[in-house]
Amino acid sequence: GRTYGELIVLMTPSVILFGAGAIPAGWLGDRWSARGTLIIM
């Protein structure tokens, strides 16, 4: 029961986290395990 505009905006946190998780993920890949981090992915 929502319009396109009301529903498409639900994707905003997904896009933010798509970027926000990149630095901690990069740190884990460099300092812990690239394989282990990709398994989590």
PDB file of all heavy atoms in Angstrom:
ATOM      1  N   GLY A   1       0.802  -1.215   0.000  1.00  0.00           N
ATOM      2  CA  GLY A   1       0.000   0.000   0.000  1.00  0.00           C
ATOM      3  C   GLY A   1       0.837   1.268   0.000  1.00  0.00           C
ATOM      4  O   GLY A   1       0.451   2.274   0.603  1.00  0.00           O
ATOM      5  N   ARG A   2       1.982   1.240  -0.672  1.00  0.00           N
ATOM      6  CA  ARG A   2       2.885   2.397  -0.737  1.00  0.00           C
ATOM      7  C   ARG A   2       3.162   2.757  -2.192  1.00  0.00           C
ATOM      8  O   ARG A   2       3.068   1.916  -3.088  1.00  0.00           O
ATOM      9  CB  ARG A   2       4.220   2.095  -0.034  1.00  0.00           C
ATOM     10  CG  ARG A   2       4.102   1.668   1.421  1.00  0.00           C
ATOM     11  CD  ARG A   2       3.678   2.805   2.323  1.00  0.00           C
ATOM     12  NE  ARG A   2       3.563   2.386   3.708  1.00  0.00           N
ATOM     13  CZ  ARG A   2       4.566   2.427   4.588  1.00  0.00           C
ATOM     14  NH1 ARG A   2       5.761   2.849   4.210  1.00  0.00           N
ATOM     15  NH2 ARG A   2       4.376   2.044   5.844  1.00  0.00           N
ATOM     16  N   THR A   3       3.524   4.026  -2.419  1.00  0.00           N
ATOM     17  CA  THR A   3       3.879   4.476  -3.765  1.00  0.00           C
ATOM     18  C   THR A   3       5.323   4.095  -4.082  1.00  0.00           C
ATOM     19  O   THR A   3       6.095   3.715  -3.193  1.00  0.00           O
ATOM     20  CB  THR A   3       3.738   6.001  -3.881  1.00  0.00           C
ATOM     21  OG1 THR A   3       4.709   6.628  -3.024  1.00  0.00           O
ATOM     22  CG2 THR A   3       2.337   6.457  -3.485  1.00  0.00           C
ATOM     23  N   TYR A   4       5.689   4.235  -5.349  1.00  0.00           N
ATOM     24  CA  TYR A   4       7.072   3.969  -5.766  1.00  0.00           C
ATOM     25  C   TYR A   4       8.053   4.835  -4.986  1.00  0.00           C
ATOM     26  O   TYR A   4       9.081   4.341  -4.491  1.00  0.00           O
ATOM     27  CB  TYR A   4       7.226   4.226  -7.268  1.00  0.00           C
ATOM     28  CG  TYR A   4       8.669   4.213  -7.744  1.00  0.00           C
ATOM     29  CD1 TYR A   4       9.338   3.020  -7.973  1.00  0.00           C
ATOM     30  CD2 TYR A   4       9.367   5.407  -7.955  1.00  0.00           C
ATOM     31  CE1 TYR A   4      10.657   3.000  -8.403  1.00  0.00           C
ATOM     32  CE2 TYR A   4      10.690   5.399  -8.391  1.00  0.00           C
ATOM     33  CZ  TYR A   4      11.324   4.196  -8.613  1.00  0.00           C
ATOM     34  OH  TYR A   4      12.631   4.198  -9.033  1.00  0.00           O
ATOM     35  N   GLY A   5       7.746   6.124  -4.855  1.00  0.00           N
ATOM     36  CA  GLY A   5       8.642   7.027  -4.128  1.00  0.00           C
ATOM     37  C   GLY A   5       8.833   6.617  -2.682  1.00  0.00           C
ATOM     38  O   GLY A   5       9.934   6.711  -2.130  1.00  0.00           O
ATOM     39  N   GLU A   6       7.756   6.143  -2.033  1.00  0.00           N
ATOM     40  CA  GLU A   6       7.845   5.717  -0.637  1.00  0.00           C
ATOM     41  C   GLU A   6       8.619   4.414  -0.481  1.00  0.00           C
ATOM     42  O   GLU A   6       9.286   4.207   0.539  1.00  0.00           O
ATOM     43  CB  GLU A   6       6.428   5.549  -0.064  1.00  0.00           C
ATOM     44  CG  GLU A   6       5.666   6.853   0.085  1.00  0.00           C
ATOM     45  CD  GLU A   6       4.205   6.634   0.452  1.00  0.00           C
ATOM     46  OE1 GLU A   6       3.625   5.616   0.001  1.00  0.00           O
ATOM     47  OE2 GLU A   6       3.641   7.481   1.174  1.00  0.00           O
ATOM     48  N   LEU A   7       8.545   3.543  -1.465  1.00  0.00           N
ATOM     49  CA  LEU A   7       9.226   2.259  -1.367  1.00  0.00           C
ATOM     50  C   LEU A   7      10.682   2.315  -1.814  1.00  0.00           C
ATOM     51  O   LEU A   7      11.548   1.694  -1.203  1.00  0.00           O
ATOM     52  CB  LEU A   7       8.476   1.208  -2.189  1.00  0.00           C
ATOM     53  CG  LEU A   7       7.150   0.712  -1.611  1.00  0.00           C
ATOM     54  CD1 LEU A   7       6.447  -0.214  -2.584  1.00  0.00           C
ATOM     55  CD2 LEU A   7       7.362   0.004  -0.271  1.00  0.00           C
ATOM     56  N   ILE A   8      10.989   3.053  -2.877  1.00  0.00           N
ATOM     57  CA  ILE A   8      12.371   3.067  -3.377  1.00  0.00           C
ATOM     58  C   ILE A   8      13.310   3.678  -2.348  1.00  0.00           C
ATOM     59  O   ILE A   8      14.490   3.305  -2.258  1.00  0.00           O
ATOM     60  CB  ILE A   8      12.472   3.822  -4.723  1.00  0.00           C
ATOM     61  CG1 ILE A   8      13.821   3.547  -5.395  1.00  0.00           C
ATOM     62  CG2 ILE A   8      12.270   5.319  -4.533  1.00  0.00           C
ATOM     63  CD1 ILE A   8      14.063   2.134  -5.788  1.00  0.00           C
ATOM     64  N   VAL A   9      12.802   4.589  -1.507  1.00  0.00           N
ATOM     65  CA  VAL A   9      13.659   5.225  -0.512  1.00  0.00           C
ATOM     66  C   VAL A   9      14.097   4.241   0.571  1.00  0.00           C
ATOM     67  O   VAL A   9      15.077   4.495   1.292  1.00  0.00           O
ATOM     68  CB  VAL A   9      12.945   6.444   0.105  1.00  0.00           C
ATOM     69  CG1 VAL A   9      11.910   6.025   1.148  1.00  0.00           C
ATOM     70  CG2 VAL A   9      13.934   7.449   0.672  1.00  0.00           C
ATOM     71  N   LEU A  10      13.420   3.085   0.696  1.00  0.00           N
ATOM     72  CA  LEU A  10      13.833   2.068   1.664  1.00  0.00           C
ATOM     73  C   LEU A  10      15.221   1.522   1.351  1.00  0.00           C
ATOM     74  O   LEU A  10      15.871   0.918   2.208  1.00  0.00           O
ATOM     75  CB  LEU A  10      12.832   0.902   1.683  1.00  0.00           C
ATOM     76  CG  LEU A  10      11.417   1.199   2.180  1.00  0.00           C
ATOM     77  CD1 LEU A  10      10.542  -0.035   2.017  1.00  0.00           C
ATOM     78  CD2 LEU A  10      11.445   1.651   3.632  1.00  0.00           C
ATOM     79  N   MET A  11      15.690   1.748   0.123  1.00  0.00           N
ATOM     80  CA  MET A  11      17.006   1.255  -0.284  1.00  0.00           C
ATOM     81  C   MET A  11      18.143   2.142   0.242  1.00  0.00           C
ATOM     82  O   MET A  11      19.307   1.748   0.179  1.00  0.00           O
ATOM     83  CB  MET A  11      17.056   1.191  -1.814  1.00  0.00           C
ATOM     84  CG  MET A  11      18.241   0.451  -2.385  1.00  0.00           C
ATOM     85  SD  MET A  11      18.140   0.364  -4.201  1.00  0.00           S
ATOM     86  CE  MET A  11      19.710  -0.459  -4.559  1.00  0.00           C
ATOM     87  N   THR A  12      17.825   3.333   0.759  1.00  0.00           N
ATOM     88  CA  THR A  12      18.861   4.283   1.182  1.00  0.00           C
ATOM     89  C   THR A  12      19.829   3.689   2.206  1.00  0.00           C
ATOM     90  O   THR A  12      21.054   3.787   2.030  1.00  0.00           O
ATOM     91  CB  THR A  12      18.220   5.574   1.724  1.00  0.00           C
ATOM     92  OG1 THR A  12      17.355   6.117   0.731  1.00  0.00           O
ATOM     93  CG2 THR A  12      19.286   6.601   2.080  1.00  0.00           C
ATOM     94  N   PRO A  13      19.361   3.076   3.320  1.00  0.00           N
ATOM     95  CA  PRO A  13      20.329   2.501   4.272  1.00  0.00           C
ATOM     96  C   PRO A  13      21.213   1.433   3.638  1.00  0.00           C
ATOM     97  O   PRO A  13      22.388   1.307   3.995  1.00  0.00           O
ATOM     98  CB  PRO A  13      19.432   1.900   5.370  1.00  0.00           C
ATOM     99  CG  PRO A  13      18.151   2.651   5.273  1.00  0.00           C
ATOM    100  CD  PRO A  13      17.973   2.936   3.812  1.00  0.00           C
ATOM    101  N   SER A  14      20.662   0.670   2.692  1.00  0.00           N
ATOM    102  CA  SER A  14      21.454  -0.353   2.017  1.00  0.00           C
ATOM    103  C   SER A  14      22.623   0.267   1.266  1.00  0.00           C
ATOM    104  O   SER A  14      23.759  -0.201   1.341  1.00  0.00           O
ATOM    105  CB  SER A  14      20.567  -1.141   1.041  1.00  0.00           C
ATOM    106  OG  SER A  14      21.316  -2.091   0.323  1.00  0.00           O
ATOM    107  N   VAL A  15      22.354   1.350   0.550  1.00  0.00           N
ATOM    108  CA  VAL A  15      23.404   2.009  -0.221  1.00  0.00           C
ATOM    109  C   VAL A  15      24.436   2.643   0.704  1.00  0.00           C
ATOM    110  O   VAL A  15      25.645   2.601   0.445  1.00  0.00           O
ATOM    111  CB  VAL A  15      22.787   3.059  -1.162  1.00  0.00           C
ATOM    112  CG1 VAL A  15      23.870   3.808  -1.923  1.00  0.00           C
ATOM    113  CG2 VAL A  15      21.825   2.391  -2.139  1.00  0.00           C
ATOM    114  N   ILE A  16      23.975   3.234   1.819  1.00  0.00           N
ATOM    115  CA  ILE A  16      24.903   3.840   2.786  1.00  0.00           C
ATOM    116  C   ILE A  16      25.830   2.771   3.369  1.00  0.00           C
ATOM    117  O   ILE A  16      27.051   2.950   3.436  1.00  0.00           O
ATOM    118  CB  ILE A  16      24.129   4.563   3.904  1.00  0.00           C
ATOM    119  CG1 ILE A  16      23.407   5.792   3.330  1.00  0.00           C
ATOM    120  CG2 ILE A  16      25.079   4.979   5.026  1.00  0.00           C
ATOM    121  CD1 ILE A  16      22.494   6.473   4.320  1.00  0.00           C
ATOM    122  N   LEU A  17      25.260   1.651   3.796  1.00  0.00           N
ATOM    123  CA  LEU A  17      26.068   0.581   4.382  1.00  0.00           C
ATOM    124  C   LEU A  17      26.964  -0.081   3.354  1.00  0.00           C
ATOM    125  O   LEU A  17      28.043  -0.594   3.689  1.00  0.00           O
ATOM    126  CB  LEU A  17      25.162  -0.461   5.038  1.00  0.00           C
ATOM    127  CG  LEU A  17      24.471   0.001   6.318  1.00  0.00           C
ATOM    128  CD1 LEU A  17      23.436  -1.020   6.783  1.00  0.00           C
ATOM    129  CD2 LEU A  17      25.496   0.255   7.418  1.00  0.00           C
ATOM    130  N   PHE A  18      26.547  -0.080   2.089  1.00  0.00           N
ATOM    131  CA  PHE A  18      27.367  -0.595   0.994  1.00  0.00           C
ATOM    132  C   PHE A  18      28.710   0.125   0.961  1.00  0.00           C
ATOM    133  O   PHE A  18      29.743  -0.459   0.637  1.00  0.00           O
ATOM    134  CB  PHE A  18      26.600  -0.380  -0.315  1.00  0.00           C
ATOM    135  CG  PHE A  18      27.178  -1.100  -1.511  1.00  0.00           C
ATOM    136  CD1 PHE A  18      27.718  -2.370  -1.405  1.00  0.00           C
ATOM    137  CD2 PHE A  18      27.136  -0.506  -2.762  1.00  0.00           C
ATOM    138  CE1 PHE A  18      28.214  -3.038  -2.517  1.00  0.00           C
ATOM    139  CE2 PHE A  18      27.632  -1.159  -3.882  1.00  0.00           C
ATOM    140  CZ  PHE A  18      28.171  -2.421  -3.761  1.00  0.00           C
ATOM    141  N   GLY A  19      28.693   1.406   1.336  1.00  0.00           N
ATOM    142  CA  GLY A  19      29.941   2.162   1.417  1.00  0.00           C
ATOM    143  C   GLY A  19      30.558   2.170   2.801  1.00  0.00           C
ATOM    144  O   GLY A  19      31.770   2.031   2.960  1.00  0.00           O
ATOM    145  N   ALA A  20      29.714   2.313   3.838  1.00  0.00           N
ATOM    146  CA  ALA A  20      30.225   2.460   5.205  1.00  0.00           C
ATOM    147  C   ALA A  20      30.989   1.225   5.670  1.00  0.00           C
ATOM    148  O   ALA A  20      31.920   1.329   6.480  1.00  0.00           O
ATOM    149  CB  ALA A  20      29.068   2.744   6.167  1.00  0.00           C
ATOM    150  N   GLY A  21      30.623   0.060   5.172  1.00  0.00           N
ATOM    151  CA  GLY A  21      31.320  -1.151   5.588  1.00  0.00           C
ATOM    152  C   GLY A  21      32.640  -1.369   4.879  1.00  0.00           C
ATOM    153  O   GLY A  21      33.392  -2.293   5.230  1.00  0.00           O
ATOM    154  N   ALA A  22      32.957  -0.529   3.894  1.00  0.00           N
ATOM    155  CA  ALA A  22      34.133  -0.790   3.057  1.00  0.00           C
ATOM    156  C   ALA A  22      35.452  -0.649   3.816  1.00  0.00           C
ATOM    157  O   ALA A  22      36.357  -1.474   3.640  1.00  0.00           O
ATOM    158  CB  ALA A  22      34.122   0.154   1.848  1.00  0.00           C
ATOM    159  N   ILE A  23      35.590   0.384   4.649  1.00  0.00           N
ATOM    160  CA  ILE A  23      36.864   0.584   5.347  1.00  0.00           C
ATOM    161  C   ILE A  23      37.119  -0.509   6.383  1.00  0.00           C
ATOM    162  O   ILE A  23      38.209  -1.094   6.410  1.00  0.00           O
ATOM    163  CB  ILE A  23      36.939   1.993   5.963  1.00  0.00           C
ATOM    164  CG1 ILE A  23      37.134   3.019   4.832  1.00  0.00           C
ATOM    165  CG2 ILE A  23      38.072   2.082   6.987  1.00  0.00           C
ATOM    166  CD1 ILE A  23      37.295   4.435   5.308  1.00  0.00           C
ATOM    167  N   PRO A  24      36.145  -0.838   7.265  1.00  0.00           N
ATOM    168  CA  PRO A  24      36.410  -1.974   8.169  1.00  0.00           C
ATOM    169  C   PRO A  24      36.639  -3.278   7.426  1.00  0.00           C
ATOM    170  O   PRO A  24      37.462  -4.103   7.843  1.00  0.00           O
ATOM    171  CB  PRO A  24      35.162  -2.038   9.064  1.00  0.00           C
ATOM    172  CG  PRO A  24      34.141  -1.192   8.410  1.00  0.00           C
ATOM    173  CD  PRO A  24      34.882  -0.162   7.619  1.00  0.00           C
ATOM    174  N   ALA A  25      35.936  -3.482   6.310  1.00  0.00           N
ATOM    175  CA  ALA A  25      36.173  -4.693   5.523  1.00  0.00           C
ATOM    176  C   ALA A  25      37.584  -4.697   4.955  1.00  0.00           C
ATOM    177  O   ALA A  25      38.271  -5.723   4.962  1.00  0.00           O
ATOM    178  CB  ALA A  25      35.141  -4.797   4.393  1.00  0.00           C
ATOM    179  N   GLY A  26      38.035  -3.536   4.454  1.00  0.00           N
ATOM    180  CA  GLY A  26      39.400  -3.437   3.938  1.00  0.00           C
ATOM    181  C   GLY A  26      40.432  -3.693   5.016  1.00  0.00           C
ATOM    182  O   GLY A  26      41.457  -4.347   4.771  1.00  0.00           O
ATOM    183  N   TRP A  27      40.171  -3.187   6.220  1.00  0.00           N
ATOM    184  CA  TRP A  27      41.090  -3.408   7.341  1.00  0.00           C
ATOM    185  C   TRP A  27      41.169  -4.899   7.672  1.00  0.00           C
ATOM    186  O   TRP A  27      42.261  -5.444   7.880  1.00  0.00           O
ATOM    187  CB  TRP A  27      40.630  -2.617   8.555  1.00  0.00           C
ATOM    188  CG  TRP A  27      41.573  -2.703   9.725  1.00  0.00           C
ATOM    189  CD1 TRP A  27      42.636  -1.887   9.990  1.00  0.00           C
ATOM    190  CD2 TRP A  27      41.528  -3.669  10.794  1.00  0.00           C
ATOM    191  NE1 TRP A  27      43.263  -2.290  11.150  1.00  0.00           N
ATOM    192  CE2 TRP A  27      42.611  -3.379  11.661  1.00  0.00           C
ATOM    193  CE3 TRP A  27      40.699  -4.739  11.090  1.00  0.00           C
ATOM    194  CZ2 TRP A  27      42.857  -4.119  12.801  1.00  0.00           C
ATOM    195  CZ3 TRP A  27      40.951  -5.491  12.227  1.00  0.00           C
ATOM    196  CH2 TRP A  27      42.019  -5.167  13.069  1.00  0.00           C
ATOM    197  N   LEU A  28      40.006  -5.566   7.702  1.00  0.00           N
ATOM    198  CA  LEU A  28      40.000  -7.005   7.974  1.00  0.00           C
ATOM    199  C   LEU A  28      40.750  -7.770   6.885  1.00  0.00           C
ATOM    200  O   LEU A  28      41.489  -8.708   7.171  1.00  0.00           O
ATOM    201  CB  LEU A  28      38.558  -7.514   8.057  1.00  0.00           C
ATOM    202  CG  LEU A  28      37.787  -7.217   9.348  1.00  0.00           C
ATOM    203  CD1 LEU A  28      36.335  -7.654   9.197  1.00  0.00           C
ATOM    204  CD2 LEU A  28      38.434  -7.909  10.540  1.00  0.00           C
ATOM    205  N   GLY A  29      40.548  -7.367   5.638  1.00  0.00           N
ATOM    206  CA  GLY A  29      41.219  -8.045   4.546  1.00  0.00           C
ATOM    207  C   GLY A  29      42.728  -7.886   4.599  1.00  0.00           C
ATOM    208  O   GLY A  29      43.477  -8.824   4.287  1.00  0.00           O
ATOM    209  N   ASP A  30      43.197  -6.680   4.982  1.00  0.00           N
ATOM    210  CA  ASP A  30      44.637  -6.416   5.070  1.00  0.00           C
ATOM    211  C   ASP A  30      45.263  -7.030   6.315  1.00  0.00           C
ATOM    212  O   ASP A  30      46.363  -7.581   6.273  1.00  0.00           O
ATOM    213  CB  ASP A  30      44.899  -4.902   5.083  1.00  0.00           C
ATOM    214  CG  ASP A  30      44.907  -4.293   3.686  1.00  0.00           C
ATOM    215  OD1 ASP A  30      45.124  -5.039   2.715  1.00  0.00           O
ATOM    216  OD2 ASP A  30      44.697  -3.072   3.574  1.00  0.00           O
ATOM    217  N   ARG A  31      44.590  -6.923   7.459  1.00  0.00           N
ATOM    218  CA  ARG A  31      45.198  -7.261   8.739  1.00  0.00           C
ATOM    219  C   ARG A  31      44.804  -8.633   9.279  1.00  0.00           C
ATOM    220  O   ARG A  31      45.530  -9.205  10.077  1.00  0.00           O
ATOM    221  CB  ARG A  31      44.825  -6.183   9.782  1.00  0.00           C
ATOM    222  CG  ARG A  31      45.268  -4.784   9.413  1.00  0.00           C
ATOM    223  CD  ARG A  31      46.789  -4.672   9.355  1.00  0.00           C
ATOM    224  NE  ARG A  31      47.387  -4.939  10.649  1.00  0.00           N
ATOM    225  CZ  ARG A  31      47.561  -4.021  11.600  1.00  0.00           C
ATOM    226  NH1 ARG A  31      47.174  -2.767  11.392  1.00  0.00           N
ATOM    227  NH2 ARG A  31      48.109  -4.339  12.739  1.00  0.00           N
ATOM    228  N   TRP A  32      43.650  -9.152   8.879  1.00  0.00           N
ATOM    229  CA  TRP A  32      43.213 -10.449   9.389  1.00  0.00           C
ATOM    230  C   TRP A  32      43.321 -11.509   8.292  1.00  0.00           C
ATOM    231  O   TRP A  32      44.313 -12.233   8.223  1.00  0.00           O
ATOM    232  CB  TRP A  32      41.770 -10.371   9.922  1.00  0.00           C
ATOM    233  CG  TRP A  32      41.202 -11.704  10.323  1.00  0.00           C
ATOM    234  CD1 TRP A  32      41.757 -12.613  11.182  1.00  0.00           C
ATOM    235  CD2 TRP A  32      39.978 -12.293   9.844  1.00  0.00           C
ATOM    236  NE1 TRP A  32      40.949 -13.737  11.275  1.00  0.00           N
ATOM    237  CE2 TRP A  32      39.855 -13.563  10.478  1.00  0.00           C
ATOM    238  CE3 TRP A  32      38.986 -11.872   8.971  1.00  0.00           C
ATOM    239  CZ2 TRP A  32      38.757 -14.409  10.242  1.00  0.00           C
ATOM    240  CZ3 TRP A  32      37.899 -12.706   8.736  1.00  0.00           C
ATOM    241  CH2 TRP A  32      37.801 -13.959   9.373  1.00  0.00           C
ATOM    242  N   SER A  33      42.327 -11.607   7.418  1.00  0.00           N
ATOM    243  CA  SER A  33      42.320 -12.675   6.410  1.00  0.00           C
ATOM    244  C   SER A  33      41.419 -12.277   5.256  1.00  0.00           C
ATOM    245  O   SER A  33      40.211 -12.061   5.451  1.00  0.00           O
ATOM    246  CB  SER A  33      41.828 -13.982   7.031  1.00  0.00           C
ATOM    247  OG  SER A  33      41.509 -14.933   6.029  1.00  0.00           O
ATOM    248  N   ALA A  34      41.990 -12.205   4.056  1.00  0.00           N
ATOM    249  CA  ALA A  34      41.172 -11.918   2.878  1.00  0.00           C
ATOM    250  C   ALA A  34      40.190 -13.065   2.633  1.00  0.00           C
ATOM    251  O   ALA A  34      39.020 -12.847   2.311  1.00  0.00           O
ATOM    252  CB  ALA A  34      42.062 -11.704   1.659  1.00  0.00           C
ATOM    253  N   ARG A  35      40.659 -14.299   2.797  1.00  0.00           N
ATOM    254  CA  ARG A  35      39.786 -15.456   2.587  1.00  0.00           C
ATOM    255  C   ARG A  35      38.632 -15.459   3.585  1.00  0.00           C
ATOM    256  O   ARG A  35      37.459 -15.647   3.211  1.00  0.00           O
ATOM    257  CB  ARG A  35      40.580 -16.753   2.715  1.00  0.00           C
ATOM    258  CG  ARG A  35      39.745 -18.026   2.547  1.00  0.00           C
ATOM    259  CD  ARG A  35      40.607 -19.277   2.666  1.00  0.00           C
ATOM    260  NE  ARG A  35      39.813 -20.496   2.493  1.00  0.00           N
ATOM    261  CZ  ARG A  35      39.226 -21.145   3.478  1.00  0.00           C
ATOM    262  NH1 ARG A  35      39.336 -20.692   4.729  1.00  0.00           N
ATOM    263  NH2 ARG A  35      38.522 -22.250   3.237  1.00  0.00           N
ATOM    264  N   GLY A  36      38.945 -15.265   4.865  1.00  0.00           N
ATOM    265  CA  GLY A  36      37.902 -15.267   5.882  1.00  0.00           C
ATOM    266  C   GLY A  36      36.885 -14.163   5.661  1.00  0.00           C
ATOM    267  O   GLY A  36      35.673 -14.362   5.853  1.00  0.00           O
ATOM    268  N   THR A  37      37.349 -12.989   5.237  1.00  0.00           N
ATOM    269  CA  THR A  37      36.439 -11.877   5.005  1.00  0.00           C
ATOM    270  C   THR A  37      35.523 -12.166   3.822  1.00  0.00           C
ATOM    271  O   THR A  37      34.328 -11.841   3.861  1.00  0.00           O
ATOM    272  CB  THR A  37      37.241 -10.582   4.757  1.00  0.00           C
ATOM    273  OG1 THR A  37      38.215 -10.418   5.789  1.00  0.00           O
ATOM    274  CG2 THR A  37      36.332  -9.371   4.769  1.00  0.00           C
ATOM    275  N   LEU A  38      36.062 -12.791   2.778  1.00  0.00           N
ATOM    276  CA  LEU A  38      35.222 -13.122   1.624  1.00  0.00           C
ATOM    277  C   LEU A  38      34.228 -14.238   1.939  1.00  0.00           C
ATOM    278  O   LEU A  38      33.123 -14.262   1.392  1.00  0.00           O
ATOM    279  CB  LEU A  38      36.107 -13.506   0.433  1.00  0.00           C
ATOM    280  CG  LEU A  38      36.900 -12.345  -0.188  1.00  0.00           C
ATOM    281  CD1 LEU A  38      37.838 -12.858  -1.269  1.00  0.00           C
ATOM    282  CD2 LEU A  38      35.967 -11.283  -0.754  1.00  0.00           C
ATOM    283  N   ILE A  39      34.593 -15.156   2.829  1.00  0.00           N
ATOM    284  CA  ILE A  39      33.637 -16.176   3.270  1.00  0.00           C
ATOM    285  C   ILE A  39      32.448 -15.507   3.956  1.00  0.00           C
ATOM    286  O   ILE A  39      31.274 -15.850   3.706  1.00  0.00           O
ATOM    287  CB  ILE A  39      34.321 -17.190   4.209  1.00  0.00           C
ATOM    288  CG1 ILE A  39      35.279 -18.085   3.416  1.00  0.00           C
ATOM    289  CG2 ILE A  39      33.271 -18.044   4.927  1.00  0.00           C
ATOM    290  CD1 ILE A  39      36.119 -18.996   4.285  1.00  0.00           C
ATOM    291  N   ILE A  40      32.743 -14.542   4.831  1.00  0.00           N
ATOM    292  CA  ILE A  40      31.665 -13.791   5.497  1.00  0.00           C
ATOM    293  C   ILE A  40      30.775 -13.122   4.465  1.00  0.00           C
ATOM    294  O   ILE A  40      29.542 -13.091   4.588  1.00  0.00           O
ATOM    295  CB  ILE A  40      32.263 -12.759   6.467  1.00  0.00           C
ATOM    296  CG1 ILE A  40      32.952 -13.466   7.639  1.00  0.00           C
ATOM    297  CG2 ILE A  40      31.178 -11.811   6.981  1.00  0.00           C
ATOM    298  CD1 ILE A  40      33.734 -12.540   8.540  1.00  0.00           C
ATOM    299  N   MET A  41      31.393 -12.571   3.415  1.00  0.00           N
ATOM    300  CA  MET A  41      30.624 -11.889   2.380  1.00  0.00           C
ATOM    301  C   MET A  41      29.648 -12.830   1.688  1.00  0.00           C
ATOM    302  O   MET A  41      28.449 -12.541   1.591  1.00  0.00           O
ATOM    303  CB  MET A  41      31.559 -11.277   1.339  1.00  0.00           C
ATOM    304  CG  MET A  41      30.830 -10.501   0.238  1.00  0.00           C
ATOM    305  SD  MET A  41      31.714 -10.422  -1.325  1.00  0.00           S
ATOM    306  CE  MET A  41      31.451 -12.079  -1.978  1.00  0.00           C
TER     307      MET A  41
END
